[in-house]
C-alpha atoms as a PDB file:
ATOM      1  CA  MET A   1      16.937 -40.066 -78.565  1.00  0.00           C
ATOM      2  CA  ALA A   2      16.275 -41.684 -75.189  1.00  0.00           C
ATOM      3  CA  THR A   3      15.260 -39.356 -72.395  1.00  0.00           C
ATOM      4  CA  PRO A   4      15.363 -40.635 -68.798  1.00  0.00           C
ATOM      5  CA  ALA A   5      11.988 -40.613 -67.091  1.00  0.00           C
ATOM      6  CA  LEU A   6      11.362 -40.975 -63.365  1.00  0.00           C
ATOM      7  CA  LYS A   7       8.136 -42.688 -62.402  1.00  0.00           C
ATOM      8  CA  GLU A   8       6.126 -40.518 -60.018  1.00  0.00           C
ATOM      9  CA  TRP A   9       2.501 -40.375 -58.979  1.00  0.00           C
ATOM     10  CA  SER A  10       0.621 -38.133 -61.359  1.00  0.00           C
ATOM     11  CA  ALA A  11      -0.915 -36.163 -58.468  1.00  0.00           C
ATOM     12  CA  ALA A  12       2.595 -35.300 -57.252  1.00  0.00           C
ATOM     13  CA  VAL A  13       3.590 -34.137 -60.745  1.00  0.00           C
ATOM     14  CA  HIS A  14       0.569 -31.818 -60.795  1.00  0.00           C
ATOM     15  CA  ALA A  15       1.442 -30.626 -57.274  1.00  0.00           C
ATOM     16  CA  MET A  16       4.967 -29.757 -58.408  1.00  0.00           C
ATOM     17  CA  LEU A  17       3.667 -27.907 -61.458  1.00  0.00           C
ATOM     18  CA  ASP A  18       1.261 -26.019 -59.202  1.00  0.00           C
ATOM     19  CA  GLY A  19       4.098 -25.039 -56.845  1.00  0.00           C
ATOM     20  CA  ARG A  20       2.738 -27.102 -53.933  1.00  0.00           C
ATOM     21  CA  GLN A  21       5.556 -29.664 -53.866  1.00  0.00           C
ATOM     22  CA  THR A  22       9.330 -29.191 -54.111  1.00  0.00           C
ATOM     23  CA  VAL A  23      10.659 -32.588 -52.984  1.00  0.00           C
ATOM     24  CA  LEU A  24      10.404 -36.252 -53.900  1.00  0.00           C
ATOM     25  CA  LEU A  25      10.720 -39.036 -51.340  1.00  0.00           C
ATOM     26  CA  ARG A  26      12.420 -42.028 -52.940  1.00  0.00           C
ATOM     27  CA  LYS A  27      13.434 -45.495 -51.808  1.00  0.00           C
ATOM     28  CA  GLY A  28      13.332 -47.445 -55.062  1.00  0.00           C
ATOM     29  CA  GLY A  29      10.864 -49.799 -56.650  1.00  0.00           C
ATOM     30  CA  ILE A  30      10.142 -53.331 -55.498  1.00  0.00           C
ATOM     31  CA  GLY A  31      12.380 -54.687 -58.266  1.00  0.00           C
ATOM     32  CA  GLU A  32      15.325 -52.493 -57.220  1.00  0.00           C
ATOM     33  CA  LYS A  33      17.838 -52.996 -54.445  1.00  0.00           C
ATOM     34  CA  ARG A  34      17.724 -49.258 -53.667  1.00  0.00           C
ATOM     35  CA  PHE A  35      17.002 -45.937 -55.302  1.00  0.00           C
ATOM     36  CA  ASP A  36      19.797 -44.727 -57.549  1.00  0.00           C
ATOM     37  CA  LEU A  37      19.860 -41.231 -58.963  1.00  0.00           C
ATOM     38  CA  THR A  38      20.394 -42.402 -62.532  1.00  0.00           C
ATOM     39  CA  ALA A  39      19.931 -38.949 -64.080  1.00  0.00           C
ATOM     40  CA  SER A  40      20.101 -35.452 -62.659  1.00  0.00           C
ATOM     41  CA  GLU A  41      17.708 -34.186 -65.357  1.00  0.00           C
ATOM     42  CA  PHE A  42      14.635 -36.104 -66.464  1.00  0.00           C
ATOM     43  CA  VAL A  43      10.970 -36.005 -67.380  1.00  0.00           C
ATOM     44  CA  PHE A  44       8.250 -37.365 -65.135  1.00  0.00           C
ATOM     45  CA  PHE A  45       6.529 -40.616 -66.113  1.00  0.00           C
ATOM     46  CA  PRO A  46       3.066 -40.246 -64.508  1.00  0.00           C
ATOM     47  CA  THR A  47       1.668 -43.178 -62.553  1.00  0.00           C
ATOM     48  CA  ILE A  48      -1.601 -43.866 -60.765  1.00  0.00           C
ATOM     49  CA  ALA A  49      -2.040 -46.203 -57.798  1.00  0.00           C
ATOM     50  CA  HIS A  50      -5.017 -47.324 -55.800  1.00  0.00           C
ATOM     51  CA  GLY A  51      -5.486 -45.544 -52.506  1.00  0.00           C
ATOM     52  CA  HIS A  52      -4.072 -42.179 -53.555  1.00  0.00           C
ATOM     53  CA  ALA A  53      -6.888 -40.307 -51.808  1.00  0.00           C
ATOM     54  CA  GLU A  54      -5.989 -41.738 -48.418  1.00  0.00           C
ATOM     55  CA  ARG A  55      -2.310 -40.935 -48.964  1.00  0.00           C
ATOM     56  CA  VAL A  56      -2.755 -37.290 -49.922  1.00  0.00           C
ATOM     57  CA  ARG A  57      -3.505 -34.562 -47.363  1.00  0.00           C
ATOM     58  CA  PRO A  58      -7.085 -33.279 -47.738  1.00  0.00           C
ATOM     59  CA  GLU A  59      -6.058 -29.835 -49.014  1.00  0.00           C
ATOM     60  CA  HIS A  60      -4.362 -31.474 -52.019  1.00  0.00           C
ATOM     61  CA  ARG A  61      -6.976 -34.068 -52.988  1.00  0.00           C
ATOM     62  CA  ASP A  62      -8.234 -31.823 -55.789  1.00  0.00           C
ATOM     63  CA  LEU A  63      -5.119 -32.907 -57.685  1.00  0.00           C
ATOM     64  CA  LEU A  64      -6.318 -36.515 -57.905  1.00  0.00           C
ATOM     65  CA  ASP A  65      -9.083 -35.875 -60.439  1.00  0.00           C
ATOM     66  CA  ALA A  66      -6.988 -33.392 -62.395  1.00  0.00           C
ATOM     67  CA  SER A  67      -4.164 -35.888 -62.784  1.00  0.00           C
ATOM     68  CA  ALA A  68      -6.064 -39.150 -63.339  1.00  0.00           C
ATOM     69  CA  SER A  69      -6.164 -38.937 -67.139  1.00  0.00           C
ATOM     70  CA  ASP A  70      -2.363 -38.574 -67.417  1.00  0.00           C
ATOM     71  CA  SER A  71      -1.811 -42.295 -66.884  1.00  0.00           C
ATOM     72  CA  THR A  72      -4.200 -44.721 -68.552  1.00  0.00           C
ATOM     73  CA  GLU A  73      -3.969 -48.320 -69.751  1.00  0.00           C
ATOM     74  CA  SER A  74      -2.869 -47.136 -73.196  1.00  0.00           C
ATOM     75  CA  THR A  75      -1.447 -43.608 -72.920  1.00  0.00           C
ATOM     76  CA  LEU A  76       0.723 -41.395 -70.747  1.00  0.00           C
ATOM     77  CA  VAL A  77       0.735 -37.614 -70.841  1.00  0.00           C
ATOM     78  CA  LEU A  78       4.094 -36.103 -69.970  1.00  0.00           C
ATOM     79  CA  ARG A  79       3.690 -32.625 -68.490  1.00  0.00           C
ATOM     80  CA  ALA A  80       6.916 -31.838 -66.662  1.00  0.00           C
ATOM     81  CA  GLY A  81      10.605 -32.398 -66.287  1.00  0.00           C
ATOM     82  CA  ALA A  82      13.007 -31.661 -63.474  1.00  0.00           C
ATOM     83  CA  SER A  83      16.590 -31.223 -62.467  1.00  0.00           C
ATOM     84  CA  VAL A  84      17.891 -32.284 -59.085  1.00  0.00           C
ATOM     85  CA  VAL A  85      18.937 -29.405 -56.832  1.00  0.00           C
ATOM     86  CA  ALA A  86      19.902 -31.652 -53.894  1.00  0.00           C
ATOM     87  CA  SER A  87      19.837 -35.324 -52.965  1.00  0.00           C
ATOM     88  CA  VAL A  88      19.679 -35.838 -49.205  1.00  0.00           C
ATOM     89  CA  ALA A  89      19.928 -39.229 -47.500  1.00  0.00           C
ATOM     90  CA  VAL A  90      17.484 -39.371 -44.600  1.00  0.00           C
ATOM     91  CA  ASN A  91      19.423 -40.041 -41.411  1.00  0.00           C
ATOM     92  CA  ARG A  92      16.676 -38.742 -39.094  1.00  0.00           C
ATOM     93  CA  PRO A  93      13.343 -40.172 -40.317  1.00  0.00           C
ATOM     94  CA  GLU A  94      11.683 -39.026 -37.089  1.00  0.00           C
ATOM     95  CA  ALA A  95      12.098 -35.440 -38.397  1.00  0.00           C
ATOM     96  CA  LEU A  96      10.256 -35.981 -41.700  1.00  0.00           C
ATOM     97  CA  GLU A  97       7.140 -34.266 -40.350  1.00  0.00           C
ATOM     98  CA  SER A  98       9.129 -31.020 -40.178  1.00  0.00           C
ATOM     99  CA  ILE A  99       9.307 -30.935 -43.997  1.00  0.00           C
ATOM    100  CA  ALA A 100       5.690 -31.998 -44.595  1.00  0.00           C
ATOM    101  CA  ASP A 101       4.914 -28.647 -46.218  1.00  0.00           C
ATOM    102  CA  THR A 102       7.284 -29.529 -49.095  1.00  0.00           C
ATOM    103  CA  HIS A 103       5.073 -32.383 -50.379  1.00  0.00           C
ATOM    104  CA  ILE A 104       1.411 -33.481 -50.536  1.00  0.00           C
ATOM    105  CA  TRP A 105       1.571 -36.810 -48.674  1.00  0.00           C
ATOM    106  CA  THR A 106       0.057 -37.515 -45.267  1.00  0.00           C
ATOM    107  CA  ASP A 107       2.436 -38.280 -42.393  1.00  0.00           C
ATOM    108  CA  GLU A 108       0.917 -41.773 -42.240  1.00  0.00           C
ATOM    109  CA  SER A 109       1.618 -42.343 -45.927  1.00  0.00           C
ATOM    110  CA  VAL A 110       5.205 -41.122 -45.632  1.00  0.00           C
ATOM    111  CA  HIS A 111       5.851 -43.579 -42.831  1.00  0.00           C
ATOM    112  CA  ALA A 112       3.968 -46.569 -44.282  1.00  0.00           C
ATOM    113  CA  ASP A 113       4.953 -46.136 -47.944  1.00  0.00           C
ATOM    114  CA  ARG A 114       8.438 -44.698 -47.521  1.00  0.00           C
ATOM    115  CA  VAL A 115       9.982 -45.156 -44.046  1.00  0.00           C
ATOM    116  CA  ASP A 116       8.531 -48.529 -42.990  1.00  0.00           C
ATOM    117  CA  PHE A 117       8.535 -50.013 -46.517  1.00  0.00           C
ATOM    118  CA  ARG A 118      11.791 -51.967 -46.885  1.00  0.00           C
ATOM    119  CA  PRO A 119      13.202 -50.564 -43.636  1.00  0.00           C
ATOM    120  CA  LYS A 120      16.788 -51.629 -44.352  1.00  0.00           C
ATOM    121  CA  HIS A 121      16.870 -49.288 -47.360  1.00  0.00           C
ATOM    122  CA  ARG A 122      17.605 -45.624 -46.803  1.00  0.00           C
ATOM    123  CA  LEU A 123      15.075 -43.011 -47.849  1.00  0.00           C
ATOM    124  CA  THR A 124      16.303 -40.176 -50.072  1.00  0.00           C
ATOM    125  CA  VAL A 125      14.787 -36.717 -50.366  1.00  0.00           C
ATOM    126  CA  LEU A 126      15.303 -35.109 -53.756  1.00  0.00           C
ATOM    127  CA  VAL A 127      14.818 -31.352 -53.970  1.00  0.00           C
ATOM    128  CA  VAL A 128      13.846 -30.715 -57.580  1.00  0.00           C
ATOM    129  CA  SER A 129      13.518 -27.770 -59.906  1.00  0.00           C
ATOM    130  CA  VAL A 130      10.425 -28.559 -61.931  1.00  0.00           C
ATOM    131  CA  ARG A 131       9.720 -27.167 -65.369  1.00  0.00           C
ATOM    132  CA  PRO A 132       6.529 -27.634 -67.365  1.00  0.00           C
ATOM    133  CA  LEU A 133       6.814 -29.008 -70.853  1.00  0.00           C
ATOM    134  CA  VAL A 134       6.040 -26.258 -73.360  1.00  0.00           C
ATOM    135  CA  THR A 135       3.607 -28.711 -74.940  1.00  0.00           C
ATOM    136  CA  PRO A 136       2.464 -31.876 -73.115  1.00  0.00           C
ATOM    137  CA  VAL A 137       3.613 -35.046 -74.886  1.00  0.00           C
ATOM    138  CA  SER A 138       1.426 -38.152 -75.298  1.00  0.00           C
ATOM    139  CA  VAL A 139       3.269 -41.452 -75.179  1.00  0.00           C
ATOM    140  CA  ARG A 140       1.801 -44.846 -75.960  1.00  0.00           C
ATOM    141  CA  ARG A 141       2.199 -47.184 -72.983  1.00  0.00           C
ATOM    142  CA  THR A 142       4.220 -50.300 -73.847  1.00  0.00           C
ATOM    143  CA  PRO A 143       5.174 -53.415 -71.848  1.00  0.00           C
ATOM    144  CA  ASP A 144       8.711 -51.982 -71.548  1.00  0.00           C
ATOM    145  CA  TYR A 145       7.379 -49.468 -69.030  1.00  0.00           C
ATOM    146  CA  ALA A 146       5.750 -52.050 -66.758  1.00  0.00           C
ATOM    147  CA  GLY A 147       7.029 -53.044 -63.360  1.00  0.00           C
ATOM    148  CA  CYS A 148       7.842 -51.408 -60.096  1.00  0.00           C
ATOM    149  CA  LYS A 149      11.006 -49.592 -61.079  1.00  0.00           C
ATOM    150  CA  SER A 150      12.005 -45.966 -60.731  1.00  0.00           C
ATOM    151  CA  TRP A 151      13.421 -45.238 -64.181  1.00  0.00           C
ATOM    152  CA  VAL A 152      12.469 -45.854 -67.803  1.00  0.00           C
ATOM    153  CA  ASP A 153      13.833 -44.405 -71.045  1.00  0.00           C
ATOM    154  CA  LEU A 154      11.402 -42.613 -73.326  1.00  0.00           C
ATOM    155  CA  ASP A 155      11.871 -41.771 -76.984  1.00  0.00           C
ATOM    156  CA  VAL A 156      10.963 -38.096 -76.550  1.00  0.00           C
ATOM    157  CA  ASP A 157      12.819 -34.786 -76.725  1.00  0.00           C
ATOM    158  CA  PRO A 158      10.464 -32.326 -75.054  1.00  0.00           C
ATOM    159  CA  SER A 159      10.955 -28.599 -74.826  1.00  0.00           C
ATOM    160  CA  MET A 160      10.898 -27.238 -71.268  1.00  0.00           C
ATOM    161  CA  GLY A 161       9.382 -24.016 -70.011  1.00  0.00           C
ATOM    162  CA  ASP A 162      10.574 -21.839 -67.145  1.00  0.00           C
ATOM    163  CA  PRO A 163      11.129 -23.347 -63.678  1.00  0.00           C
ATOM    164  CA  VAL A 164       8.195 -23.254 -61.263  1.00  0.00           C
ATOM    165  CA  HIS A 165      10.428 -21.991 -58.409  1.00  0.00           C
ATOM    166  CA  ASP A 166      13.499 -19.778 -58.526  1.00  0.00           C
ATOM    167  CA  GLU A 167      16.918 -21.072 -57.525  1.00  0.00           C
ATOM    168  CA  ALA A 168      17.020 -19.169 -54.197  1.00  0.00           C
ATOM    169  CA  THR A 169      13.729 -20.746 -53.087  1.00  0.00           C
ATOM    170  CA  LEU A 170      14.937 -24.245 -53.905  1.00  0.00           C
ATOM    171  CA  MET A 171      18.326 -23.717 -52.237  1.00  0.00           C
ATOM    172  CA  ALA A 172      16.473 -22.650 -49.074  1.00  0.00           C
ATOM    173  CA  VAL A 173      14.362 -25.840 -49.272  1.00  0.00           C
ATOM    174  CA  ALA A 174      17.523 -27.922 -49.731  1.00  0.00           C
ATOM    175  CA  ASP A 175      19.190 -26.282 -46.728  1.00  0.00           C
ATOM    176  CA  ARG A 176      16.101 -26.919 -44.616  1.00  0.00           C
ATOM    177  CA  VAL A 177      15.869 -30.570 -45.704  1.00  0.00           C
ATOM    178  CA  ARG A 178      19.557 -31.143 -44.888  1.00  0.00           C
ATOM    179  CA  ALA A 179      19.180 -29.507 -41.469  1.00  0.00           C
ATOM    180  CA  SER A 180      15.984 -31.432 -40.666  1.00  0.00           C
ATOM    181  CA  VAL A 181      16.526 -34.982 -41.883  1.00  0.00           C
ATOM    182  CA  GLY A 182      20.059 -35.208 -43.333  1.00  0.00           C
END
C-alpha cells in the first residue's frame, strides 16, 4: 500500500507535533513547476538541510537537535501525518509577518527561501491538522526518495493518534491566514 508523504524539514515536523506550528509554506521543489496539493492526507517525510539554525527563530532552535536523527543517510523516522484544513494562495506576501506565530521560520528565511525563491511561482500556505503516529515508523532511505520534490510514495500504513489541535483552533488559524495573506 503506497502512502503519500510530503517532504518537510524535520524540525518543522517536531514543531507541529509540539503544537508550535500549524501551517506549511510551500512553493514546490526545484524539479517541480509549482507546488501541487497531491494528497489532502499524508505522512511527513523528514528532511534535513544545511543552515537550519539560521532559518529558525531562536526560541525554536531546540527542535534542531531533537529532530536531527529522523533523517540520516540510511534511515528516516516517520513521526506524524496530517490532513489539510485549508490551502491558501498567498496574494499578499507583504503580510506574511502577520502569521509568523503559526510557524518556526525567521522572517528572513520566509522571504529568501519561500517568497524570493522562484518569484514567478505563487506561495501556498497549508493549514494542517497534525497527528502523531501511534508508533514511529523507520523507513530505509532509497534512491527513489532523492531529489528536490515535494511528494514521494512510501510503502507504509501507519496508525495515527489524536490531532495535536482541535478543529476550532485550526479553523481560526485558516480564517486568519485567509484574511492576512489570501
